[in-house]
């Protein structure tokens, strides 16, 4: 599980940048250009070791909010428990969900070692969604085969956002949904999950 999460963090790293909307003639072209535009800026901005951690966290939060469908992903990971939560719980869950994702990703970026992203192909799901097939290729001299990463991308107008990431067949959203459901089952309520998320984000952001 930890290895899979590490791969996910590296993969997400390539897609969390660039606020420029992508214009293209087709959904396939737009999704591919979206990905190509993201990689360069992400590498440039998030591997700068001269920046203090709080600066990198703030920068990644902005990129994460701009380029990922944060609310949609968060609600989906809570599953049917979303309807069981009251408005205050829903709001705090989404805030903590974002805090957790952002801080964990930034910390994992410390392990970046020159991986490169290769676009294999892009296919449409419907008129506003596409799947981008990519591989993460290790640097020369580093053992290990390329890692398969599928990106589910949604389009609204000329704005593209990541809806889900599938690493070697494992969906980020489904994995999180199962983990959250397990915590809720053990704790007995959404409030119990929120408390666990508070603890986790506190551990990742020591004062």
N, C-alpha and C. Protein backbone atom coordinates (compact mmCIF):
# COMPACT_ATOMS: atom_id res chain seq x y z
N UNK A 1 0.81 -1.20 0.00
CA UNK A 1 0.00 0.00 0.00
C UNK A 1 0.85 1.26 0.00
N UNK A 2 1.91 1.30 0.83
CA UNK A 2 2.75 2.48 0.89
C UNK A 2 3.46 2.72 -0.45
N UNK A 3 3.89 1.63 -1.11
CA UNK A 3 4.54 1.77 -2.41
C UNK A 3 3.57 2.36 -3.42
N UNK A 4 2.34 1.89 -3.38
CA UNK A 4 1.33 2.39 -4.32
C UNK A 4 1.05 3.86 -4.07
N UNK A 5 0.98 4.26 -2.79
CA UNK A 5 0.74 5.66 -2.47
C UNK A 5 1.91 6.52 -2.93
N UNK A 6 3.14 6.02 -2.77
CA UNK A 6 4.30 6.78 -3.23
C UNK A 6 4.21 7.02 -4.74
N UNK A 7 3.84 5.97 -5.49
CA UNK A 7 3.70 6.10 -6.94
C UNK A 7 2.62 7.13 -7.26
N UNK A 8 1.53 7.09 -6.50
CA UNK A 8 0.44 8.03 -6.71
C UNK A 8 0.91 9.45 -6.48
N UNK A 9 1.69 9.69 -5.42
CA UNK A 9 2.17 11.02 -5.13
C UNK A 9 3.06 11.54 -6.25
N UNK A 10 3.94 10.68 -6.76
CA UNK A 10 4.80 11.07 -7.86
C UNK A 10 3.97 11.36 -9.10
N UNK A 11 2.97 10.51 -9.34
CA UNK A 11 2.12 10.71 -10.52
C UNK A 11 1.33 12.01 -10.42
N UNK A 12 0.72 12.27 -9.28
CA UNK A 12 -0.05 13.48 -9.10
C UNK A 12 0.82 14.72 -9.28
N UNK A 13 2.07 14.58 -8.91
CA UNK A 13 3.03 15.67 -8.99
C UNK A 13 3.09 16.26 -10.39
N UNK A 14 2.98 15.42 -11.40
CA UNK A 14 3.10 15.87 -12.76
C UNK A 14 1.88 16.65 -13.22
N UNK A 15 0.75 16.53 -12.46
CA UNK A 15 -0.49 17.07 -12.97
C UNK A 15 -1.05 18.21 -12.14
N UNK A 16 -0.27 18.75 -11.23
CA UNK A 16 -0.82 19.71 -10.30
C UNK A 16 -0.40 21.13 -10.57
N UNK A 17 -0.15 21.51 -11.82
CA UNK A 17 0.33 22.85 -12.09
C UNK A 17 -0.36 23.48 -13.28
N UNK A 18 0.02 24.74 -13.56
CA UNK A 18 -0.41 25.50 -14.73
C UNK A 18 -1.86 25.94 -14.63
N UNK A 19 -2.09 27.25 -14.52
CA UNK A 19 -3.44 27.79 -14.42
C UNK A 19 -3.98 28.22 -15.78
N UNK A 20 -3.23 27.99 -16.85
CA UNK A 20 -3.66 28.38 -18.19
C UNK A 20 -4.64 27.37 -18.76
N UNK A 21 -5.80 27.84 -19.18
CA UNK A 21 -6.77 26.95 -19.80
C UNK A 21 -6.23 26.46 -21.13
N UNK A 22 -6.54 25.20 -21.43
CA UNK A 22 -6.04 24.59 -22.66
C UNK A 22 -7.10 24.69 -23.75
N UNK A 23 -6.72 25.23 -24.89
CA UNK A 23 -7.63 25.32 -26.01
C UNK A 23 -7.19 24.30 -27.07
N UNK A 24 -8.11 23.54 -27.59
CA UNK A 24 -7.76 22.56 -28.61
C UNK A 24 -9.00 22.25 -29.43
N UNK A 25 -8.79 21.60 -30.58
CA UNK A 25 -9.89 21.31 -31.48
C UNK A 25 -10.73 20.14 -31.01
N UNK A 26 -10.17 19.24 -30.23
CA UNK A 26 -10.92 18.07 -29.78
C UNK A 26 -10.62 17.79 -28.33
N UNK A 27 -11.48 16.97 -27.72
CA UNK A 27 -11.28 16.60 -26.33
C UNK A 27 -9.97 15.84 -26.15
N UNK A 28 -9.67 14.94 -27.09
CA UNK A 28 -8.41 14.18 -26.99
C UNK A 28 -7.20 15.12 -27.02
N UNK A 29 -7.20 16.06 -27.96
CA UNK A 29 -6.10 17.00 -28.06
C UNK A 29 -6.02 17.88 -26.82
N UNK A 30 -7.17 18.33 -26.36
CA UNK A 30 -7.18 19.20 -25.19
C UNK A 30 -6.66 18.51 -23.95
N UNK A 31 -7.07 17.27 -23.76
CA UNK A 31 -6.62 16.53 -22.58
C UNK A 31 -5.12 16.26 -22.64
N UNK A 32 -4.62 15.93 -23.82
CA UNK A 32 -3.19 15.69 -23.98
C UNK A 32 -2.39 16.96 -23.75
N UNK A 33 -2.88 18.08 -24.29
CA UNK A 33 -2.18 19.34 -24.09
C UNK A 33 -2.23 19.77 -22.63
N UNK A 34 -3.34 19.48 -21.97
CA UNK A 34 -3.48 19.77 -20.55
C UNK A 34 -2.37 19.10 -19.76
N UNK A 35 -2.13 17.85 -20.07
CA UNK A 35 -1.11 17.08 -19.38
C UNK A 35 0.29 17.59 -19.70
N UNK A 36 0.55 17.84 -20.98
CA UNK A 36 1.87 18.32 -21.36
C UNK A 36 2.19 19.67 -20.69
N UNK A 37 1.18 20.54 -20.60
CA UNK A 37 1.39 21.84 -19.99
C UNK A 37 1.67 21.74 -18.51
N UNK A 38 1.08 20.75 -17.86
CA UNK A 38 1.22 20.60 -16.41
C UNK A 38 2.60 20.12 -15.99
N UNK A 39 3.15 19.19 -16.73
CA UNK A 39 4.39 18.56 -16.28
C UNK A 39 5.53 19.56 -16.08
N UNK A 40 5.76 20.40 -17.07
CA UNK A 40 6.91 21.30 -17.01
C UNK A 40 6.84 22.23 -15.80
N UNK A 41 5.68 22.87 -15.61
CA UNK A 41 5.58 23.83 -14.52
C UNK A 41 5.64 23.15 -13.16
N UNK A 42 5.06 21.94 -13.07
CA UNK A 42 5.11 21.21 -11.82
C UNK A 42 6.55 20.89 -11.42
N UNK A 43 7.31 20.40 -12.37
CA UNK A 43 8.70 20.07 -12.09
C UNK A 43 9.48 21.30 -11.68
N UNK A 44 9.21 22.42 -12.36
CA UNK A 44 9.93 23.64 -12.08
C UNK A 44 9.61 24.21 -10.69
N UNK A 45 8.34 24.15 -10.31
CA UNK A 45 7.92 24.82 -9.08
C UNK A 45 7.98 23.97 -7.82
N UNK A 46 7.79 22.65 -7.95
CA UNK A 46 7.66 21.83 -6.76
C UNK A 46 8.91 21.05 -6.38
N UNK A 47 9.96 21.20 -7.15
CA UNK A 47 11.22 20.56 -6.77
C UNK A 47 12.26 21.58 -6.35
N UNK A 48 11.83 22.81 -6.17
CA UNK A 48 12.75 23.88 -5.76
C UNK A 48 13.06 23.75 -4.27
N UNK A 49 14.21 23.18 -3.96
CA UNK A 49 14.58 22.93 -2.56
C UNK A 49 14.92 24.21 -1.80
N UNK A 50 15.00 25.34 -2.50
CA UNK A 50 15.29 26.60 -1.81
C UNK A 50 14.04 27.17 -1.14
N UNK A 51 12.87 26.64 -1.50
CA UNK A 51 11.62 27.12 -0.92
C UNK A 51 11.32 26.38 0.38
N UNK A 52 10.90 27.12 1.40
CA UNK A 52 10.52 26.51 2.66
C UNK A 52 9.25 25.69 2.48
N UNK A 53 9.06 24.70 3.35
CA UNK A 53 7.91 23.81 3.24
C UNK A 53 6.58 24.56 3.22
N UNK A 54 6.34 25.55 4.12
CA UNK A 54 5.05 26.26 4.08
C UNK A 54 4.80 26.94 2.73
N UNK A 55 5.85 27.41 2.08
CA UNK A 55 5.70 28.05 0.77
C UNK A 55 5.29 27.02 -0.27
N UNK A 56 5.91 25.84 -0.22
CA UNK A 56 5.57 24.78 -1.17
C UNK A 56 4.16 24.25 -0.92
N UNK A 57 3.76 24.17 0.36
CA UNK A 57 2.40 23.72 0.69
C UNK A 57 1.37 24.70 0.11
N UNK A 58 1.61 26.00 0.31
CA UNK A 58 0.68 27.00 -0.20
C UNK A 58 0.61 26.97 -1.72
N UNK A 59 1.76 26.78 -2.37
CA UNK A 59 1.79 26.74 -3.83
C UNK A 59 1.05 25.51 -4.35
N UNK A 60 1.28 24.36 -3.71
CA UNK A 60 0.61 23.16 -4.17
C UNK A 60 -0.89 23.22 -3.91
N UNK A 61 -1.29 23.81 -2.80
CA UNK A 61 -2.72 23.93 -2.51
C UNK A 61 -3.42 24.70 -3.64
N UNK A 62 -2.81 25.79 -4.08
CA UNK A 62 -3.39 26.59 -5.16
C UNK A 62 -3.52 25.76 -6.44
N UNK A 63 -2.47 25.02 -6.77
CA UNK A 63 -2.49 24.20 -7.96
C UNK A 63 -3.49 23.07 -7.86
N UNK A 64 -3.55 22.45 -6.68
CA UNK A 64 -4.47 21.35 -6.45
C UNK A 64 -5.91 21.81 -6.62
N UNK A 65 -6.23 22.98 -6.07
CA UNK A 65 -7.59 23.50 -6.17
C UNK A 65 -7.94 23.87 -7.60
N UNK A 66 -6.96 24.34 -8.35
CA UNK A 66 -7.22 24.77 -9.72
C UNK A 66 -7.36 23.61 -10.69
N UNK A 67 -6.58 22.55 -10.50
CA UNK A 67 -6.48 21.53 -11.52
C UNK A 67 -7.11 20.19 -11.16
N UNK A 68 -7.59 20.04 -9.95
CA UNK A 68 -8.29 18.82 -9.56
C UNK A 68 -9.72 19.17 -9.15
N UNK A 69 -10.65 18.29 -9.47
CA UNK A 69 -12.04 18.48 -9.08
C UNK A 69 -12.17 18.09 -7.61
N UNK A 70 -11.65 18.95 -6.74
CA UNK A 70 -11.49 18.62 -5.32
C UNK A 70 -12.81 18.26 -4.66
N UNK A 71 -13.83 19.08 -4.83
CA UNK A 71 -15.11 18.81 -4.18
C UNK A 71 -15.73 17.51 -4.69
N UNK A 72 -15.69 17.31 -6.00
CA UNK A 72 -16.26 16.09 -6.58
C UNK A 72 -15.53 14.85 -6.09
N UNK A 73 -14.19 14.91 -6.07
CA UNK A 73 -13.41 13.76 -5.60
C UNK A 73 -13.68 13.51 -4.12
N UNK A 74 -13.68 14.58 -3.32
CA UNK A 74 -13.91 14.44 -1.89
C UNK A 74 -15.26 13.83 -1.58
N UNK A 75 -16.31 14.34 -2.22
CA UNK A 75 -17.66 13.81 -1.99
C UNK A 75 -17.74 12.34 -2.40
N UNK A 76 -17.10 12.01 -3.53
CA UNK A 76 -17.16 10.64 -4.01
C UNK A 76 -16.45 9.70 -3.04
N UNK A 77 -15.34 10.11 -2.47
CA UNK A 77 -14.61 9.24 -1.55
C UNK A 77 -15.41 8.99 -0.26
N UNK A 78 -16.29 9.91 0.08
CA UNK A 78 -17.13 9.69 1.26
C UNK A 78 -18.30 8.77 0.94
N UNK A 79 -18.62 8.63 -0.35
CA UNK A 79 -19.66 7.70 -0.76
C UNK A 79 -21.02 8.01 -0.18
N UNK A 80 -21.77 6.97 0.15
CA UNK A 80 -23.11 7.16 0.68
C UNK A 80 -23.11 7.85 2.03
N UNK A 81 -21.95 7.87 2.69
CA UNK A 81 -21.85 8.55 3.97
C UNK A 81 -21.95 10.06 3.83
N UNK A 82 -21.76 10.57 2.60
CA UNK A 82 -21.91 12.01 2.38
C UNK A 82 -23.31 12.47 2.77
N UNK A 83 -24.32 11.71 2.38
CA UNK A 83 -25.71 12.09 2.68
C UNK A 83 -26.04 11.93 4.16
N UNK A 84 -25.26 11.11 4.85
CA UNK A 84 -25.50 10.91 6.27
C UNK A 84 -24.87 12.00 7.13
N UNK A 85 -23.96 12.76 6.54
CA UNK A 85 -23.29 13.84 7.28
C UNK A 85 -24.13 15.12 7.23
N UNK A 86 -24.09 15.89 8.30
CA UNK A 86 -24.79 17.18 8.27
C UNK A 86 -23.91 18.21 7.54
N UNK A 87 -24.42 19.42 7.34
CA UNK A 87 -23.71 20.41 6.54
C UNK A 87 -22.36 20.78 7.16
N UNK A 88 -22.31 20.91 8.46
CA UNK A 88 -21.05 21.25 9.13
C UNK A 88 -20.02 20.13 8.94
N UNK A 89 -20.46 18.89 9.04
CA UNK A 89 -19.56 17.76 8.85
C UNK A 89 -19.08 17.68 7.40
N UNK A 90 -19.97 17.93 6.47
CA UNK A 90 -19.58 17.91 5.06
C UNK A 90 -18.52 18.97 4.78
N UNK A 91 -18.74 20.17 5.31
CA UNK A 91 -17.79 21.26 5.08
C UNK A 91 -16.43 20.96 5.70
N UNK A 92 -16.43 20.47 6.95
CA UNK A 92 -15.15 20.19 7.61
C UNK A 92 -14.45 19.01 6.95
N UNK A 93 -15.21 18.01 6.52
CA UNK A 93 -14.59 16.88 5.84
C UNK A 93 -13.85 17.33 4.59
N UNK A 94 -14.48 18.17 3.76
CA UNK A 94 -13.83 18.62 2.53
C UNK A 94 -12.58 19.45 2.83
N UNK A 95 -12.63 20.26 3.89
CA UNK A 95 -11.46 21.04 4.28
C UNK A 95 -10.32 20.14 4.72
N UNK A 96 -10.64 19.15 5.55
CA UNK A 96 -9.62 18.24 6.04
C UNK A 96 -9.10 17.32 4.94
N UNK A 97 -10.00 16.91 4.04
CA UNK A 97 -9.60 16.09 2.90
C UNK A 97 -8.55 16.82 2.07
N UNK A 98 -8.81 18.08 1.77
CA UNK A 98 -7.85 18.87 1.00
C UNK A 98 -6.55 19.05 1.76
N UNK A 99 -6.63 19.38 3.05
CA UNK A 99 -5.42 19.54 3.86
C UNK A 99 -4.57 18.28 3.84
N UNK A 100 -5.22 17.14 4.00
CA UNK A 100 -4.49 15.87 4.04
C UNK A 100 -3.80 15.59 2.71
N UNK A 101 -4.53 15.74 1.62
CA UNK A 101 -3.96 15.46 0.31
C UNK A 101 -2.79 16.38 0.01
N UNK A 102 -2.96 17.67 0.26
CA UNK A 102 -1.93 18.65 -0.07
C UNK A 102 -0.66 18.42 0.74
N UNK A 103 -0.79 18.27 2.05
CA UNK A 103 0.40 18.13 2.88
C UNK A 103 1.13 16.81 2.62
N UNK A 104 0.38 15.75 2.39
CA UNK A 104 1.02 14.46 2.10
C UNK A 104 1.77 14.51 0.78
N UNK A 105 1.17 15.14 -0.23
CA UNK A 105 1.83 15.21 -1.53
C UNK A 105 3.11 16.01 -1.46
N UNK A 106 3.05 17.16 -0.80
CA UNK A 106 4.23 18.01 -0.72
C UNK A 106 5.38 17.28 -0.05
N UNK A 107 5.09 16.56 1.01
CA UNK A 107 6.14 15.80 1.70
C UNK A 107 6.71 14.70 0.82
N UNK A 108 5.85 14.04 0.04
CA UNK A 108 6.33 12.96 -0.81
C UNK A 108 7.16 13.48 -1.98
N UNK A 109 6.95 14.74 -2.35
CA UNK A 109 7.72 15.30 -3.45
C UNK A 109 9.21 15.36 -3.14
N UNK A 110 9.54 15.26 -1.84
CA UNK A 110 10.95 15.23 -1.47
C UNK A 110 11.65 14.02 -2.08
N UNK A 111 10.88 12.99 -2.41
CA UNK A 111 11.46 11.75 -2.95
C UNK A 111 11.59 11.77 -4.47
N UNK A 112 11.19 12.86 -5.11
CA UNK A 112 11.29 12.94 -6.56
C UNK A 112 12.73 12.79 -7.01
N UNK A 113 12.98 11.94 -8.00
CA UNK A 113 14.35 11.68 -8.42
C UNK A 113 14.50 11.66 -9.94
N UNK A 114 13.76 12.54 -10.60
CA UNK A 114 13.92 12.67 -12.04
C UNK A 114 13.03 11.82 -12.90
N UNK A 115 11.95 11.28 -12.35
CA UNK A 115 11.01 10.50 -13.15
C UNK A 115 10.42 11.36 -14.28
N UNK A 116 10.17 10.74 -15.43
CA UNK A 116 9.61 11.45 -16.57
C UNK A 116 8.26 10.85 -16.95
N UNK A 117 7.40 11.71 -17.48
CA UNK A 117 6.07 11.28 -17.87
C UNK A 117 5.98 11.11 -19.38
N UNK A 118 5.44 9.98 -19.81
CA UNK A 118 5.28 9.69 -21.24
C UNK A 118 3.80 9.47 -21.53
N UNK A 119 3.25 10.23 -22.45
CA UNK A 119 1.86 10.05 -22.86
C UNK A 119 1.79 8.94 -23.90
N UNK A 120 1.00 7.93 -23.63
CA UNK A 120 0.87 6.79 -24.53
C UNK A 120 -0.26 7.01 -25.52
N UNK A 121 -1.45 7.35 -25.01
CA UNK A 121 -2.59 7.64 -25.87
C UNK A 121 -3.68 8.31 -25.04
N UNK A 122 -4.67 8.88 -25.73
CA UNK A 122 -5.82 9.49 -25.07
C UNK A 122 -7.09 9.03 -25.77
N UNK A 123 -8.08 8.61 -24.98
CA UNK A 123 -9.35 8.17 -25.56
C UNK A 123 -10.50 8.89 -24.87
N UNK A 124 -11.60 9.07 -25.57
CA UNK A 124 -12.76 9.75 -24.99
C UNK A 124 -13.68 8.76 -24.29
N UNK A 125 -14.31 9.23 -23.22
CA UNK A 125 -15.33 8.47 -22.51
C UNK A 125 -16.70 8.94 -22.97
N UNK A 126 -16.87 10.26 -23.03
CA UNK A 126 -18.06 10.88 -23.59
C UNK A 126 -17.64 12.26 -24.08
N UNK A 127 -18.59 13.14 -24.34
CA UNK A 127 -18.23 14.43 -24.95
C UNK A 127 -17.46 15.35 -24.02
N UNK A 128 -17.43 15.06 -22.73
CA UNK A 128 -16.72 15.92 -21.79
C UNK A 128 -15.72 15.20 -20.90
N UNK A 129 -15.49 13.94 -21.15
CA UNK A 129 -14.52 13.20 -20.33
C UNK A 129 -13.60 12.36 -21.21
N UNK A 130 -12.36 12.27 -20.76
CA UNK A 130 -11.37 11.49 -21.50
C UNK A 130 -10.46 10.76 -20.53
N UNK A 131 -9.84 9.71 -21.02
CA UNK A 131 -8.84 8.98 -20.24
C UNK A 131 -7.49 9.13 -20.95
N UNK A 132 -6.52 9.61 -20.19
CA UNK A 132 -5.18 9.81 -20.72
C UNK A 132 -4.29 8.70 -20.18
N UNK A 133 -3.74 7.89 -21.06
CA UNK A 133 -2.88 6.78 -20.68
C UNK A 133 -1.43 7.26 -20.69
N UNK A 134 -0.76 7.11 -19.56
CA UNK A 134 0.62 7.56 -19.46
C UNK A 134 1.48 6.52 -18.78
N UNK A 135 2.78 6.74 -18.86
CA UNK A 135 3.75 5.91 -18.15
C UNK A 135 4.73 6.82 -17.43
N UNK A 136 5.09 6.45 -16.21
CA UNK A 136 6.15 7.15 -15.50
C UNK A 136 7.42 6.35 -15.71
N UNK A 137 8.39 6.99 -16.33
CA UNK A 137 9.63 6.33 -16.70
C UNK A 137 10.74 6.73 -15.74
N UNK A 138 11.45 5.74 -15.21
CA UNK A 138 12.54 6.01 -14.28
C UNK A 138 13.74 6.63 -15.00
N UNK A 139 14.56 7.40 -14.28
CA UNK A 139 15.76 7.98 -14.89
C UNK A 139 16.72 6.90 -15.36
N UNK A 140 17.61 7.25 -16.28
CA UNK A 140 18.62 6.32 -16.76
C UNK A 140 19.45 5.81 -15.59
N UNK A 141 19.68 4.52 -15.58
CA UNK A 141 20.50 3.95 -14.52
C UNK A 141 19.73 3.48 -13.31
N UNK A 142 18.40 3.80 -13.28
CA UNK A 142 17.56 3.38 -12.15
C UNK A 142 16.77 2.14 -12.57
N UNK A 143 16.86 1.09 -11.78
CA UNK A 143 16.16 -0.14 -12.09
C UNK A 143 14.65 0.03 -11.93
N UNK A 144 13.91 -0.79 -12.65
CA UNK A 144 12.45 -0.77 -12.52
C UNK A 144 11.78 -0.44 -13.83
N UNK A 145 10.66 -1.12 -14.11
CA UNK A 145 9.93 -0.88 -15.36
C UNK A 145 9.06 0.36 -15.24
N UNK A 146 8.60 0.83 -16.37
CA UNK A 146 7.72 2.00 -16.40
C UNK A 146 6.42 1.68 -15.65
N UNK A 147 5.85 2.70 -15.02
CA UNK A 147 4.65 2.54 -14.22
C UNK A 147 3.45 3.08 -14.99
N UNK A 148 2.42 2.27 -15.13
CA UNK A 148 1.21 2.66 -15.86
C UNK A 148 0.32 3.56 -14.99
N UNK A 149 -0.03 4.72 -15.54
CA UNK A 149 -0.90 5.67 -14.84
C UNK A 149 -1.97 6.16 -15.80
N UNK A 150 -3.23 5.97 -15.42
CA UNK A 150 -4.36 6.46 -16.22
C UNK A 150 -4.95 7.67 -15.53
N UNK A 151 -5.20 8.72 -16.30
CA UNK A 151 -5.78 9.95 -15.77
C UNK A 151 -7.18 10.13 -16.33
N UNK A 152 -8.16 10.24 -15.47
CA UNK A 152 -9.51 10.52 -15.91
C UNK A 152 -9.69 12.04 -15.85
N UNK A 153 -9.88 12.64 -17.00
CA UNK A 153 -9.92 14.09 -17.13
C UNK A 153 -11.32 14.53 -17.55
N UNK A 154 -11.82 15.59 -16.90
CA UNK A 154 -13.12 16.14 -17.26
C UNK A 154 -12.96 17.54 -17.84
N UNK A 155 -13.86 17.91 -18.72
CA UNK A 155 -13.81 19.23 -19.35
C UNK A 155 -15.14 19.95 -19.17
N UNK A 156 -15.05 21.23 -18.79
CA UNK A 156 -16.24 22.09 -18.71
C UNK A 156 -15.89 23.36 -19.44
N UNK A 157 -16.48 23.55 -20.61
CA UNK A 157 -16.07 24.67 -21.45
C UNK A 157 -14.66 24.40 -21.95
N UNK A 158 -13.73 25.32 -21.63
CA UNK A 158 -12.34 25.12 -22.02
C UNK A 158 -11.45 24.85 -20.80
N UNK A 159 -12.08 24.48 -19.68
CA UNK A 159 -11.34 24.18 -18.46
C UNK A 159 -11.28 22.67 -18.25
N UNK A 160 -10.09 22.16 -17.99
CA UNK A 160 -9.87 20.74 -17.77
C UNK A 160 -9.48 20.49 -16.31
N UNK A 161 -10.00 19.39 -15.74
CA UNK A 161 -9.63 19.03 -14.38
C UNK A 161 -9.49 17.52 -14.25
N UNK A 162 -8.63 17.10 -13.34
CA UNK A 162 -8.43 15.68 -13.06
C UNK A 162 -9.57 15.20 -12.18
N UNK A 163 -10.22 14.09 -12.59
CA UNK A 163 -11.31 13.50 -11.83
C UNK A 163 -10.86 12.29 -11.01
N UNK A 164 -9.88 11.57 -11.51
CA UNK A 164 -9.39 10.39 -10.80
C UNK A 164 -8.06 9.98 -11.42
N UNK A 165 -7.30 9.20 -10.67
CA UNK A 165 -6.02 8.68 -11.13
C UNK A 165 -6.01 7.19 -10.84
N UNK A 166 -5.58 6.40 -11.82
CA UNK A 166 -5.53 4.94 -11.67
C UNK A 166 -4.09 4.49 -11.84
N UNK A 167 -3.50 3.96 -10.77
CA UNK A 167 -2.11 3.53 -10.77
C UNK A 167 -2.05 2.01 -10.85
N UNK A 168 -1.50 1.49 -11.95
CA UNK A 168 -1.37 0.04 -12.11
C UNK A 168 -2.68 -0.67 -11.78
N UNK A 169 -3.79 -0.08 -12.25
CA UNK A 169 -5.10 -0.69 -12.05
C UNK A 169 -5.82 -0.30 -10.78
N UNK A 170 -5.19 0.46 -9.90
CA UNK A 170 -5.81 0.85 -8.62
C UNK A 170 -6.23 2.31 -8.67
N UNK A 171 -7.53 2.57 -8.49
CA UNK A 171 -8.08 3.92 -8.51
C UNK A 171 -7.81 4.64 -7.21
N UNK A 172 -7.31 5.89 -7.31
CA UNK A 172 -7.11 6.72 -6.14
C UNK A 172 -8.42 6.91 -5.38
N UNK A 173 -9.48 7.27 -6.09
CA UNK A 173 -10.77 7.55 -5.45
C UNK A 173 -11.35 6.33 -4.75
N UNK A 174 -11.29 5.18 -5.43
CA UNK A 174 -11.83 3.95 -4.84
C UNK A 174 -11.02 3.54 -3.62
N UNK A 175 -9.71 3.67 -3.69
CA UNK A 175 -8.85 3.32 -2.55
C UNK A 175 -9.19 4.18 -1.34
N UNK A 176 -9.32 5.49 -1.56
CA UNK A 176 -9.64 6.39 -0.45
C UNK A 176 -11.05 6.11 0.08
N UNK A 177 -12.00 5.85 -0.83
CA UNK A 177 -13.36 5.57 -0.39
C UNK A 177 -13.41 4.36 0.53
N UNK A 178 -12.66 3.32 0.19
CA UNK A 178 -12.64 2.12 1.02
C UNK A 178 -11.99 2.38 2.37
N UNK A 179 -10.91 3.15 2.36
CA UNK A 179 -10.24 3.47 3.63
C UNK A 179 -11.13 4.30 4.54
N UNK A 180 -11.80 5.30 3.96
CA UNK A 180 -12.70 6.14 4.76
C UNK A 180 -13.89 5.35 5.28
N UNK A 181 -14.45 4.47 4.44
CA UNK A 181 -15.59 3.64 4.86
C UNK A 181 -15.19 2.73 6.02
N UNK A 182 -13.97 2.20 5.98
CA UNK A 182 -13.49 1.34 7.05
C UNK A 182 -13.37 2.10 8.36
N UNK A 183 -12.86 3.34 8.29
CA UNK A 183 -12.74 4.16 9.50
C UNK A 183 -14.11 4.48 10.06
N UNK A 184 -15.05 4.84 9.19
CA UNK A 184 -16.40 5.17 9.64
C UNK A 184 -17.06 3.95 10.29
N UNK A 185 -16.84 2.78 9.71
CA UNK A 185 -17.40 1.56 10.29
C UNK A 185 -16.84 1.31 11.68
N UNK A 186 -15.53 1.51 11.84
CA UNK A 186 -14.89 1.28 13.14
C UNK A 186 -15.27 2.33 14.17
N UNK A 187 -15.40 3.58 13.71
CA UNK A 187 -15.71 4.68 14.62
C UNK A 187 -17.20 4.89 14.84
N UNK A 188 -17.98 4.38 13.90
CA UNK A 188 -19.43 4.44 14.07
C UNK A 188 -20.11 5.67 13.48
N UNK A 189 -19.33 6.60 12.91
CA UNK A 189 -19.96 7.81 12.36
C UNK A 189 -18.97 8.60 11.51
N UNK A 190 -19.51 9.53 10.71
CA UNK A 190 -18.67 10.44 9.93
C UNK A 190 -17.84 11.31 10.87
N UNK A 191 -18.44 11.65 12.02
CA UNK A 191 -17.71 12.47 13.01
C UNK A 191 -16.42 11.77 13.44
N UNK A 192 -16.47 10.44 13.53
CA UNK A 192 -15.28 9.68 13.89
C UNK A 192 -14.21 9.78 12.83
N UNK A 193 -14.61 9.74 11.56
CA UNK A 193 -13.65 9.91 10.46
C UNK A 193 -13.04 11.31 10.51
N UNK A 194 -13.86 12.31 10.73
CA UNK A 194 -13.37 13.69 10.80
C UNK A 194 -12.33 13.84 11.90
N UNK A 195 -12.57 13.22 13.04
CA UNK A 195 -11.62 13.28 14.15
C UNK A 195 -10.29 12.63 13.76
N UNK A 196 -10.36 11.52 13.05
CA UNK A 196 -9.13 10.86 12.60
C UNK A 196 -8.38 11.73 11.59
N UNK A 197 -9.11 12.39 10.72
CA UNK A 197 -8.47 13.27 9.75
C UNK A 197 -7.84 14.47 10.44
N UNK A 198 -8.49 14.98 11.48
CA UNK A 198 -7.89 16.08 12.26
C UNK A 198 -6.55 15.66 12.84
N UNK A 199 -6.52 14.46 13.40
CA UNK A 199 -5.27 13.95 14.02
C UNK A 199 -4.18 13.80 12.97
N UNK A 200 -4.56 13.24 11.82
CA UNK A 200 -3.58 13.00 10.77
C UNK A 200 -3.01 14.30 10.23
N UNK A 201 -3.85 15.26 9.94
CA UNK A 201 -3.36 16.53 9.41
C UNK A 201 -2.53 17.28 10.45
N UNK A 202 -2.88 17.12 11.72
CA UNK A 202 -2.08 17.73 12.80
C UNK A 202 -0.69 17.13 12.85
N UNK A 203 -0.61 15.81 12.66
CA UNK A 203 0.69 15.14 12.66
C UNK A 203 1.56 15.59 11.49
N UNK A 204 0.91 15.83 10.34
CA UNK A 204 1.65 16.23 9.16
C UNK A 204 2.01 17.71 9.16
N UNK A 205 1.35 18.48 10.02
CA UNK A 205 1.61 19.91 10.12
C UNK A 205 1.91 20.30 11.55
N UNK A 206 3.02 19.82 12.12
CA UNK A 206 3.33 20.14 13.51
C UNK A 206 3.58 21.63 13.69
N UNK A 207 3.13 22.16 14.79
CA UNK A 207 3.30 23.60 15.03
C UNK A 207 4.69 23.90 15.54
